[in-house]
Protein backbone atom coordinates (compact mmCIF):
# COMPACT_ATOMS: atom_id res chain seq x y z
CA UNK A 1 -10.56 9.59 -14.39
CA UNK A 2 -14.01 11.15 -14.03
CA UNK A 3 -12.90 12.74 -10.76
CA UNK A 4 -9.79 14.16 -12.40
CA UNK A 5 -11.82 15.60 -15.27
CA UNK A 6 -14.26 17.24 -12.85
CA UNK A 7 -11.44 18.79 -10.88
CA UNK A 8 -9.76 19.91 -14.09
CA UNK A 9 -12.92 21.75 -15.17
CA UNK A 10 -14.07 23.16 -11.84
CA UNK A 11 -11.01 23.54 -9.58
CA UNK A 12 -10.90 24.45 -6.84
CA UNK A 13 -13.79 22.17 -5.93
CA UNK A 14 -14.80 20.65 -2.61
CA UNK A 15 -15.41 17.00 -1.87
CA UNK A 16 -19.08 17.77 -1.30
CA UNK A 17 -19.36 19.39 -4.73
CA UNK A 18 -17.64 16.43 -6.39
CA UNK A 19 -20.02 14.04 -4.65
CA UNK A 20 -22.98 16.12 -5.87
CA UNK A 21 -21.73 16.07 -9.47
CA UNK A 22 -21.33 12.28 -9.34
CA UNK A 23 -24.55 11.62 -7.42
CA UNK A 24 -22.84 9.83 -4.54
CA UNK A 25 -22.20 10.55 -0.87
CA UNK A 26 -19.01 12.29 0.32
CA UNK A 27 -17.79 9.22 2.29
CA UNK A 28 -18.05 7.14 -0.90
CA UNK A 29 -15.38 9.32 -2.53
CA UNK A 30 -13.08 9.55 0.47
CA UNK A 31 -10.79 6.64 -0.43
CA UNK A 32 -10.61 7.64 -4.12
CA UNK A 33 -9.71 11.22 -3.24
CA UNK A 34 -7.10 10.04 -0.74
CA UNK A 35 -5.63 7.80 -3.44
CA UNK A 36 -5.38 10.63 -5.97
CA UNK A 37 -3.83 12.97 -3.42
CA UNK A 38 -1.32 10.29 -2.39
CA UNK A 39 -0.28 9.89 -6.03
CA UNK A 40 0.11 13.63 -6.47
CA UNK A 41 -2.59 13.68 -9.14
CA UNK A 42 -4.69 15.94 -6.93
CA UNK A 43 -3.76 18.44 -4.27
CA UNK A 44 -6.03 19.84 -1.58
CA UNK A 45 -6.20 22.86 0.65
CA UNK A 46 -8.42 23.07 3.74
CA UNK A 47 -11.48 25.26 3.22
CA UNK A 48 -10.53 25.71 -0.44
CA UNK A 49 -10.92 22.35 -2.14
CA UNK A 50 -9.22 20.07 -4.62
CA UNK A 51 -7.16 21.06 -7.64
CA UNK A 52 -4.80 19.25 -10.02
CA UNK A 53 -1.51 18.14 -8.51
CA UNK A 54 1.99 18.50 -9.90
CA UNK A 55 2.14 14.86 -10.99
CA UNK A 56 -0.95 15.19 -13.17
CA UNK A 57 0.48 18.25 -14.88
CA UNK A 58 3.75 16.41 -15.56
CA UNK A 59 2.10 13.23 -16.76
CA UNK A 60 -1.38 13.29 -18.22
CA UNK A 61 -1.84 9.51 -18.36
CA UNK A 62 -0.64 8.14 -14.98
CA UNK A 63 -3.79 6.26 -14.12
CA UNK A 64 -3.73 4.30 -17.37
CA UNK A 65 -0.09 3.38 -16.74
CA UNK A 66 -0.81 2.13 -13.25
CA UNK A 67 -3.75 0.11 -14.54
CA UNK A 68 -1.53 -1.59 -17.12
CA UNK A 69 1.43 -2.27 -14.81
CA UNK A 70 1.38 -5.45 -12.75
CA UNK A 71 2.31 -5.88 -9.11
CA UNK A 72 5.00 -8.38 -10.09
CA UNK A 73 6.80 -5.56 -11.92
CA UNK A 74 7.14 -3.32 -8.88
CA UNK A 75 7.06 -5.60 -5.83
CA UNK A 76 9.98 -5.56 -3.43
CA UNK A 77 11.76 -8.36 -1.61
CA UNK A 78 9.84 -9.14 1.59
CA UNK A 79 11.37 -9.18 5.05
CA UNK A 80 10.29 -12.62 6.21
CA UNK A 81 10.67 -13.84 9.79
CA UNK A 82 9.81 -17.22 11.33
CA UNK A 83 6.72 -17.43 13.53
CA UNK A 84 8.97 -18.60 16.37
CA UNK A 85 10.98 -15.36 16.37
CA UNK A 86 10.82 -13.49 19.68
CA UNK A 87 9.29 -10.03 20.01
CA UNK A 88 12.73 -8.74 21.04
CA UNK A 89 14.34 -10.04 17.85
CA UNK A 90 11.41 -8.79 15.77
CA UNK A 91 12.03 -5.25 17.02
CA UNK A 92 15.71 -5.55 16.13
CA UNK A 93 14.80 -6.87 12.66
CA UNK A 94 12.49 -3.91 12.03
CA UNK A 95 15.37 -1.52 12.65
CA UNK A 96 18.15 -3.46 10.93
CA UNK A 97 16.04 -4.06 7.82
CA UNK A 98 14.49 -0.58 7.89
CA UNK A 99 11.09 -2.23 7.48
CA UNK A 100 7.59 -1.01 8.28
CA UNK A 101 6.16 -4.53 8.37
CA UNK A 102 7.47 -8.03 8.90
CA UNK A 103 5.94 -10.94 7.00
CA UNK A 104 5.69 -14.06 9.14
CA UNK A 105 6.20 -17.57 7.74
CA UNK A 106 5.94 -21.02 9.33
CA UNK A 107 8.43 -23.88 9.23
CA UNK A 108 7.30 -24.76 5.70
CA UNK A 109 7.99 -21.15 4.61
CA UNK A 110 4.28 -20.52 4.07
CA UNK A 111 2.77 -17.12 4.76
CA UNK A 112 0.92 -17.03 8.08
CA UNK A 113 0.73 -13.38 9.16
CA UNK A 114 2.22 -9.92 9.54
CA UNK A 115 3.73 -7.97 12.42
CA UNK A 116 3.86 -4.18 12.54
CA UNK A 117 5.58 -1.78 14.96
CA UNK A 118 2.14 -1.05 16.43
CA UNK A 119 1.64 -4.76 17.22
CA UNK A 120 5.00 -4.91 18.98
CA UNK A 121 4.38 -1.70 20.91
CA UNK A 122 1.02 -2.96 22.18
CA UNK A 123 2.50 -6.17 23.59
CA UNK A 124 5.57 -4.57 25.18
CA UNK A 125 3.91 -1.68 27.04
CA UNK A 126 3.70 -2.63 30.70
CA UNK A 127 4.71 -6.23 29.98
CA UNK A 128 8.13 -7.06 31.36
CA UNK A 129 8.17 -10.53 29.81
CA UNK A 130 7.08 -9.44 26.34
CA UNK A 131 10.54 -9.69 24.79
CA UNK A 132 10.48 -13.49 24.91
CA UNK A 133 6.99 -13.91 23.43
CA UNK A 134 7.00 -15.39 19.89
CA UNK A 135 5.63 -13.18 17.12
CA UNK A 136 3.01 -15.83 16.40
CA UNK A 137 1.25 -14.60 19.55
CA UNK A 138 1.05 -10.97 18.44
CA UNK A 139 0.82 -11.10 14.64
CA UNK A 140 -2.28 -10.51 12.54
CA UNK A 141 -3.07 -13.89 11.06
CA UNK A 142 -3.77 -14.76 7.46
CA UNK A 143 -6.43 -14.71 5.98
CA UNK A 144 -7.42 -11.67 8.08
CA UNK A 145 -4.94 -9.61 6.05
CA UNK A 146 -5.31 -7.53 2.88
CA UNK A 147 -3.07 -9.07 0.22
CA UNK A 148 -2.18 -8.80 -3.45
CA UNK A 149 -1.59 -11.28 -6.26
CA UNK A 150 1.33 -10.86 -8.71
CA UNK A 151 -1.03 -10.19 -11.63
CA UNK A 152 -3.03 -7.49 -9.83
CA UNK A 153 -2.58 -4.02 -11.28
CA UNK A 154 -0.51 -1.41 -9.50
CA UNK A 155 -3.65 0.72 -9.35
CA UNK A 156 -5.41 -2.06 -7.45
CA UNK A 157 -2.52 -2.10 -4.97
CA UNK A 158 -2.86 1.66 -4.49
CA UNK A 159 -6.63 1.38 -4.03
CA UNK A 160 -6.22 -1.29 -1.35
CA UNK A 161 -3.58 0.69 0.53
CA UNK A 162 -5.76 3.78 0.46
CA UNK A 163 -9.01 1.99 1.34
CA UNK A 164 -7.53 0.00 4.23
CA UNK A 165 -5.10 2.71 5.37
CA UNK A 166 -2.03 0.45 5.29
CA UNK A 167 1.54 1.18 4.17
CA UNK A 168 2.44 -2.27 2.92
CA UNK A 169 0.67 -5.21 1.25
CA UNK A 170 2.05 -8.77 1.00
CA UNK A 171 2.09 -10.38 -2.45
CA UNK A 172 1.03 -14.01 -2.23
CA UNK A 173 0.55 -16.98 -4.54
CA UNK A 174 -1.97 -19.59 -3.34
CA UNK A 175 -0.85 -23.15 -3.90
CA UNK A 176 -3.20 -25.26 -5.98
CA UNK A 177 -3.05 -28.18 -3.57
CA UNK A 178 -3.56 -25.96 -0.50
CA UNK A 179 -5.04 -22.53 -1.32
CA UNK A 180 -5.23 -21.51 2.34
CA UNK A 181 -1.48 -22.06 2.76
CA UNK A 182 0.04 -19.57 0.28
CA UNK A 183 3.59 -18.67 -0.59
CA UNK A 184 4.67 -15.06 -0.14
CA UNK A 185 6.65 -13.72 -3.08
CA UNK A 186 7.06 -10.04 -2.25
CA UNK A 187 5.43 -6.91 -0.97
CA UNK A 188 4.30 -3.55 -2.25
CA UNK A 189 4.69 -0.47 -0.09
CA UNK A 190 3.86 3.19 -0.43
CA UNK A 191 7.59 3.75 -0.87
CA UNK A 192 7.53 1.46 -3.95
CA UNK A 193 4.67 3.48 -5.43
CA UNK A 194 6.30 6.84 -4.73
CA UNK A 195 9.56 5.70 -6.33
CA UNK A 196 7.64 4.39 -9.33
CA UNK A 197 5.81 7.69 -9.75
CA UNK A 198 9.10 9.58 -9.49
CA UNK A 199 10.68 7.32 -12.13
CA UNK A 200 7.75 7.79 -14.52
CA UNK A 201 7.79 11.54 -14.10
CA UNK A 202 11.57 11.76 -14.51
CA UNK A 203 11.48 9.57 -17.63
CA UNK A 204 8.93 11.87 -19.22
CA UNK A 205 10.92 14.97 -18.33
CA UNK A 206 14.06 13.47 -19.86
CA UNK A 207 12.18 12.17 -22.90
CA UNK A 208 13.12 8.56 -22.12
CA UNK A 209 10.92 5.55 -22.98
CA UNK A 210 8.21 4.88 -20.38
CA UNK A 211 8.67 2.08 -17.88
């Protein structure tokens, strides 16, 4: 909110000037500025600086709303695949499900990793036998994955996506008896966030109750 207030008072303002006002380095603000631009709360022009975005002008309290909303309220249904699935079938699943990421589960339906188009591209280039390789050989394994919990705020989800430069985050629930073997209950993507922002803005324009 402090960033938004500074931009509101001094726009257009550069990232360097914002960092100077706040007494921090420019790289420290990079993820926060990216987050605000992604949400449409700020806009930016090269060699000009930052100024308030259309979303901020339409809705003066978006950050507070995102802080109060929980991930469980906006998460989507995950596209889960077994760890034995072949790379060939994983590629087909990406297209048929129109998914950016596949969540991988083991025989007990526990979350074990994720597979992205980039992972599949890496293994298939110049590898004639790649199609038969199981996704367990190419996935990024849990716990080396950024995840969310159902009670995390939507703002926390946005921060993590911006900070780690990812388009999708799995939502998991650790089991009390085996915390390192969690269940996956959903996912949050940039598409979820954009739709949510559009719904909030439209509700305000129509004078409907907020979500």
